[in-house]
């Protein structure tokens, strides 16, 4: 029940903050802050994708799950910055602070269970594997065109 209340309370909180902060700093400054943080979020989100791809390709001795968790939290922060509102912008900026981000990852990581599977290798017996097959014409053809026969065939087939 409380997640529904939080979802309903978020727009009310954002509107209240818009009115309060907008009254204090003015309309133009409010719009500059909102559009500026949205632009920052877009830049962070684009950069995060490139950095994550490069980090996972580098031969480091780091845990890839830690890199992915850090990237996920930065992506969440970027998403919060893109959303219009002072509360979501504040949460997004807080998630960009590395010690807070690592603390959140550690806290959430306590609830994560990692399971691994092992590969047992190929089958060792020599039993045949039964199956059916059919030949597929490798050349693409128009699906609306009538079927064609290879040259020299009468159209009758043996089964």
C-alpha atoms as a PDB file:
ATOM      1  CA  UNK A   1       0.000   0.000   0.000  1.00  0.00           C
ATOM      2  CA  UNK A   2       2.808   2.420   0.789  1.00  0.00           C
ATOM      3  CA  UNK A   3       4.374   2.206  -2.724  1.00  0.00           C
ATOM      4  CA  UNK A   4       1.066   3.422  -4.162  1.00  0.00           C
ATOM      5  CA  UNK A   5       1.020   6.262  -1.644  1.00  0.00           C
ATOM      6  CA  UNK A   6       4.600   7.186  -2.591  1.00  0.00           C
ATOM      7  CA  UNK A   7       3.733   7.217  -6.295  1.00  0.00           C
ATOM      8  CA  UNK A   8       0.756   9.449  -5.632  1.00  0.00           C
ATOM      9  CA  UNK A   9       2.668  11.721  -3.237  1.00  0.00           C
ATOM     10  CA  UNK A  10       5.625  12.324  -5.594  1.00  0.00           C
ATOM     11  CA  UNK A  11       3.798  14.648  -8.030  1.00  0.00           C
ATOM     12  CA  UNK A  12       2.261  16.558  -5.114  1.00  0.00           C
ATOM     13  CA  UNK A  13       5.700  16.992  -3.542  1.00  0.00           C
ATOM     14  CA  UNK A  14       7.221  18.087  -6.859  1.00  0.00           C
ATOM     15  CA  UNK A  15       4.456  20.655  -7.448  1.00  0.00           C
ATOM     16  CA  UNK A  16       4.869  22.020  -3.930  1.00  0.00           C
ATOM     17  CA  UNK A  17       8.619  22.347  -4.460  1.00  0.00           C
ATOM     18  CA  UNK A  18       8.092  24.032  -7.847  1.00  0.00           C
ATOM     19  CA  UNK A  19       5.819  26.612  -6.258  1.00  0.00           C
ATOM     20  CA  UNK A  20       8.048  27.196  -3.237  1.00  0.00           C
ATOM     21  CA  UNK A  21      11.410  27.309  -5.012  1.00  0.00           C
ATOM     22  CA  UNK A  22       9.962  29.051  -8.065  1.00  0.00           C
ATOM     23  CA  UNK A  23       8.584  31.783  -5.814  1.00  0.00           C
ATOM     24  CA  UNK A  24      11.968  32.207  -4.153  1.00  0.00           C
ATOM     25  CA  UNK A  25      14.250  32.213  -7.218  1.00  0.00           C
ATOM     26  CA  UNK A  26      11.862  33.222  -9.998  1.00  0.00           C
ATOM     27  CA  UNK A  27      10.425  31.546 -13.065  1.00  0.00           C
ATOM     28  CA  UNK A  28      13.458  31.902 -15.354  1.00  0.00           C
ATOM     29  CA  UNK A  29      15.896  30.509 -12.798  1.00  0.00           C
ATOM     30  CA  UNK A  30      13.514  27.644 -12.025  1.00  0.00           C
ATOM     31  CA  UNK A  31      13.249  26.708 -15.698  1.00  0.00           C
ATOM     32  CA  UNK A  32      17.033  26.982 -16.133  1.00  0.00           C
ATOM     33  CA  UNK A  33      17.607  24.623 -13.204  1.00  0.00           C
ATOM     34  CA  UNK A  34      15.048  22.092 -14.448  1.00  0.00           C
ATOM     35  CA  UNK A  35      16.289  22.123 -18.062  1.00  0.00           C
ATOM     36  CA  UNK A  36      19.920  22.198 -16.932  1.00  0.00           C
ATOM     37  CA  UNK A  37      19.562  19.111 -14.754  1.00  0.00           C
ATOM     38  CA  UNK A  38      17.666  17.337 -17.537  1.00  0.00           C
ATOM     39  CA  UNK A  39      20.511  18.111 -19.952  1.00  0.00           C
ATOM     40  CA  UNK A  40      23.021  16.880 -17.361  1.00  0.00           C
ATOM     41  CA  UNK A  41      21.023  13.656 -16.986  1.00  0.00           C
ATOM     42  CA  UNK A  42      20.994  13.080 -20.754  1.00  0.00           C
ATOM     43  CA  UNK A  43      24.748  13.657 -20.991  1.00  0.00           C
ATOM     44  CA  UNK A  44      25.380  11.309 -18.055  1.00  0.00           C
ATOM     45  CA  UNK A  45      23.172   8.611 -19.523  1.00  0.00           C
ATOM     46  CA  UNK A  46      24.916   8.728 -22.898  1.00  0.00           C
ATOM     47  CA  UNK A  47      28.371   8.791 -21.308  1.00  0.00           C
ATOM     48  CA  UNK A  48      27.498   5.963 -18.933  1.00  0.00           C
ATOM     49  CA  UNK A  49      26.710   3.605 -21.802  1.00  0.00           C
ATOM     50  CA  UNK A  50      30.054   4.287 -23.478  1.00  0.00           C
ATOM     51  CA  UNK A  51      31.990   4.005 -20.198  1.00  0.00           C
ATOM     52  CA  UNK A  52      30.271   0.761 -19.234  1.00  0.00           C
ATOM     53  CA  UNK A  53      31.079  -0.818 -22.573  1.00  0.00           C
ATOM     54  CA  UNK A  54      34.723   0.263 -22.327  1.00  0.00           C
ATOM     55  CA  UNK A  55      35.038  -0.852 -18.693  1.00  0.00           C
ATOM     56  CA  UNK A  56      33.718  -4.321 -19.396  1.00  0.00           C
ATOM     57  CA  UNK A  57      36.151  -4.787 -22.295  1.00  0.00           C
ATOM     58  CA  UNK A  58      39.219  -3.773 -20.300  1.00  0.00           C
ATOM     59  CA  UNK A  59      41.244  -6.655 -18.833  1.00  0.00           C
ATOM     60  CA  UNK A  60      41.021  -5.501 -15.204  1.00  0.00           C
ATOM     61  CA  UNK A  61      40.997  -7.471 -12.013  1.00  0.00           C
ATOM     62  CA  UNK A  62      37.716  -5.858 -10.954  1.00  0.00           C
ATOM     63  CA  UNK A  63      34.463  -7.630 -10.326  1.00  0.00           C
ATOM     64  CA  UNK A  64      32.209  -7.040 -13.358  1.00  0.00           C
ATOM     65  CA  UNK A  65      29.141  -7.141 -11.111  1.00  0.00           C
ATOM     66  CA  UNK A  66      30.477  -4.187  -9.116  1.00  0.00           C
ATOM     67  CA  UNK A  67      31.015  -2.255 -12.344  1.00  0.00           C
ATOM     68  CA  UNK A  68      27.523  -3.096 -13.542  1.00  0.00           C
ATOM     69  CA  UNK A  69      25.939  -2.153 -10.207  1.00  0.00           C
ATOM     70  CA  UNK A  70      27.783   1.172 -10.202  1.00  0.00           C
ATOM     71  CA  UNK A  71      26.707   1.806 -13.784  1.00  0.00           C
ATOM     72  CA  UNK A  72      23.107   0.937 -12.953  1.00  0.00           C
ATOM     73  CA  UNK A  73      23.029   3.399 -10.060  1.00  0.00           C
ATOM     74  CA  UNK A  74      24.584   6.148 -12.203  1.00  0.00           C
ATOM     75  CA  UNK A  75      21.991   5.393 -14.895  1.00  0.00           C
ATOM     76  CA  UNK A  76      19.251   5.637 -12.261  1.00  0.00           C
ATOM     77  CA  UNK A  77      20.703   8.975 -11.152  1.00  0.00           C
ATOM     78  CA  UNK A  78      20.688  10.190 -14.752  1.00  0.00           C
ATOM     79  CA  UNK A  79      17.073   9.114 -15.128  1.00  0.00           C
ATOM     80  CA  UNK A  80      16.119  10.983 -11.977  1.00  0.00           C
ATOM     81  CA  UNK A  81      17.877  14.091 -13.283  1.00  0.00           C
ATOM     82  CA  UNK A  82      15.966  13.873 -16.551  1.00  0.00           C
ATOM     83  CA  UNK A  83      12.614  13.791 -14.741  1.00  0.00           C
ATOM     84  CA  UNK A  84      11.379  17.336 -14.082  1.00  0.00           C
ATOM     85  CA  UNK A  85      11.311  18.208 -10.410  1.00  0.00           C
ATOM     86  CA  UNK A  86      13.503  19.369  -7.583  1.00  0.00           C
ATOM     87  CA  UNK A  87      13.045  16.276  -5.403  1.00  0.00           C
ATOM     88  CA  UNK A  88      14.036  13.847  -8.167  1.00  0.00           C
ATOM     89  CA  UNK A  89      16.939  16.130  -9.130  1.00  0.00           C
ATOM     90  CA  UNK A  90      18.159  16.117  -5.526  1.00  0.00           C
ATOM     91  CA  UNK A  91      17.964  12.312  -5.368  1.00  0.00           C
ATOM     92  CA  UNK A  92      19.792  12.058  -8.689  1.00  0.00           C
ATOM     93  CA  UNK A  93      22.559  14.403  -7.568  1.00  0.00           C
ATOM     94  CA  UNK A  94      22.954  12.484  -4.297  1.00  0.00           C
ATOM     95  CA  UNK A  95      23.364   9.229  -6.227  1.00  0.00           C
ATOM     96  CA  UNK A  96      26.230  10.798  -8.181  1.00  0.00           C
ATOM     97  CA  UNK A  97      28.305  11.153  -4.993  1.00  0.00           C
ATOM     98  CA  UNK A  98      30.586   8.060  -5.028  1.00  0.00           C
ATOM     99  CA  UNK A  99      30.546   7.259  -1.257  1.00  0.00           C
ATOM    100  CA  UNK A 100      26.749   7.434  -1.154  1.00  0.00           C
ATOM    101  CA  UNK A 101      26.507   5.363  -4.321  1.00  0.00           C
ATOM    102  CA  UNK A 102      28.804   2.661  -2.901  1.00  0.00           C
ATOM    103  CA  UNK A 103      26.862   2.629   0.385  1.00  0.00           C
ATOM    104  CA  UNK A 104      23.600   2.124  -1.512  1.00  0.00           C
ATOM    105  CA  UNK A 105      25.132  -0.683  -3.578  1.00  0.00           C
ATOM    106  CA  UNK A 106      26.429  -2.398  -0.425  1.00  0.00           C
ATOM    107  CA  UNK A 107      23.042  -2.028   1.261  1.00  0.00           C
ATOM    108  CA  UNK A 108      21.141  -3.432  -1.721  1.00  0.00           C
ATOM    109  CA  UNK A 109      23.824  -6.060  -2.320  1.00  0.00           C
ATOM    110  CA  UNK A 110      22.969  -7.769   0.944  1.00  0.00           C
ATOM    111  CA  UNK A 111      19.707  -8.913  -0.598  1.00  0.00           C
ATOM    112  CA  UNK A 112      21.288 -10.267  -3.796  1.00  0.00           C
ATOM    113  CA  UNK A 113      22.021 -13.941  -4.161  1.00  0.00           C
ATOM    114  CA  UNK A 114      24.480 -15.021  -6.843  1.00  0.00           C
ATOM    115  CA  UNK A 115      24.031 -18.503  -8.219  1.00  0.00           C
ATOM    116  CA  UNK A 116      26.455 -20.169 -10.548  1.00  0.00           C
ATOM    117  CA  UNK A 117      26.071 -23.168 -12.781  1.00  0.00           C
ATOM    118  CA  UNK A 118      28.742 -25.470 -14.064  1.00  0.00           C
ATOM    119  CA  UNK A 119      29.079 -26.997 -17.495  1.00  0.00           C
ATOM    120  CA  UNK A 120      29.468 -30.734 -17.422  1.00  0.00           C
ATOM    121  CA  UNK A 121      30.962 -31.032 -20.865  1.00  0.00           C
ATOM    122  CA  UNK A 122      29.834 -32.978 -23.932  1.00  0.00           C
ATOM    123  CA  UNK A 123      28.027 -36.297 -23.758  1.00  0.00           C
ATOM    124  CA  UNK A 124      30.480 -39.179 -23.464  1.00  0.00           C
ATOM    125  CA  UNK A 125      28.401 -41.989 -24.930  1.00  0.00           C
ATOM    126  CA  UNK A 126      28.113 -42.730 -28.620  1.00  0.00           C
ATOM    127  CA  UNK A 127      24.338 -42.896 -28.841  1.00  0.00           C
ATOM    128  CA  UNK A 128      23.002 -41.360 -32.058  1.00  0.00           C
ATOM    129  CA  UNK A 129      20.833 -38.284 -31.824  1.00  0.00           C
ATOM    130  CA  UNK A 130      17.710 -38.754 -33.896  1.00  0.00           C
ATOM    131  CA  UNK A 131      16.049 -35.926 -35.731  1.00  0.00           C
ATOM    132  CA  UNK A 132      14.418 -34.782 -38.957  1.00  0.00           C
ATOM    133  CA  UNK A 133      15.748 -32.222 -41.354  1.00  0.00           C
ATOM    134  CA  UNK A 134      14.733 -30.430 -44.499  1.00  0.00           C
ATOM    135  CA  UNK A 135      16.771 -28.510 -46.996  1.00  0.00           C
ATOM    136  CA  UNK A 136      16.229 -24.789 -47.204  1.00  0.00           C
ATOM    137  CA  UNK A 137      16.837 -22.833 -50.373  1.00  0.00           C
ATOM    138  CA  UNK A 138      19.568 -20.325 -49.444  1.00  0.00           C
ATOM    139  CA  UNK A 139      18.493 -17.813 -52.101  1.00  0.00           C
ATOM    140  CA  UNK A 140      15.793 -15.424 -50.908  1.00  0.00           C
ATOM    141  CA  UNK A 141      12.755 -15.277 -53.117  1.00  0.00           C
ATOM    142  CA  UNK A 142       9.619 -13.251 -53.385  1.00  0.00           C
ATOM    143  CA  UNK A 143       6.979 -14.876 -51.137  1.00  0.00           C
ATOM    144  CA  UNK A 144       4.210 -13.878 -53.586  1.00  0.00           C
ATOM    145  CA  UNK A 145       5.921 -15.487 -56.614  1.00  0.00           C
ATOM    146  CA  UNK A 146       4.801 -19.009 -57.659  1.00  0.00           C
ATOM    147  CA  UNK A 147       7.146 -21.844 -56.628  1.00  0.00           C
ATOM    148  CA  UNK A 148       9.851 -22.702 -59.146  1.00  0.00           C
ATOM    149  CA  UNK A 149      11.237 -26.108 -60.086  1.00  0.00           C
ATOM    150  CA  UNK A 150      14.881 -26.809 -60.790  1.00  0.00           C
ATOM    151  CA  UNK A 151      15.664 -27.275 -64.507  1.00  0.00           C
ATOM    152  CA  UNK A 152      15.218 -30.823 -65.769  1.00  0.00           C
ATOM    153  CA  UNK A 153      12.588 -31.893 -63.251  1.00  0.00           C
ATOM    154  CA  UNK A 154       9.063 -32.839 -64.147  1.00  0.00           C
ATOM    155  CA  UNK A 155       7.462 -31.793 -60.933  1.00  0.00           C
ATOM    156  CA  UNK A 156       6.947 -35.344 -59.713  1.00  0.00           C
ATOM    157  CA  UNK A 157       8.859 -36.276 -56.587  1.00  0.00           C
ATOM    158  CA  UNK A 158       9.663 -39.592 -54.965  1.00  0.00           C
ATOM    159  CA  UNK A 159       9.071 -40.258 -51.327  1.00  0.00           C
END
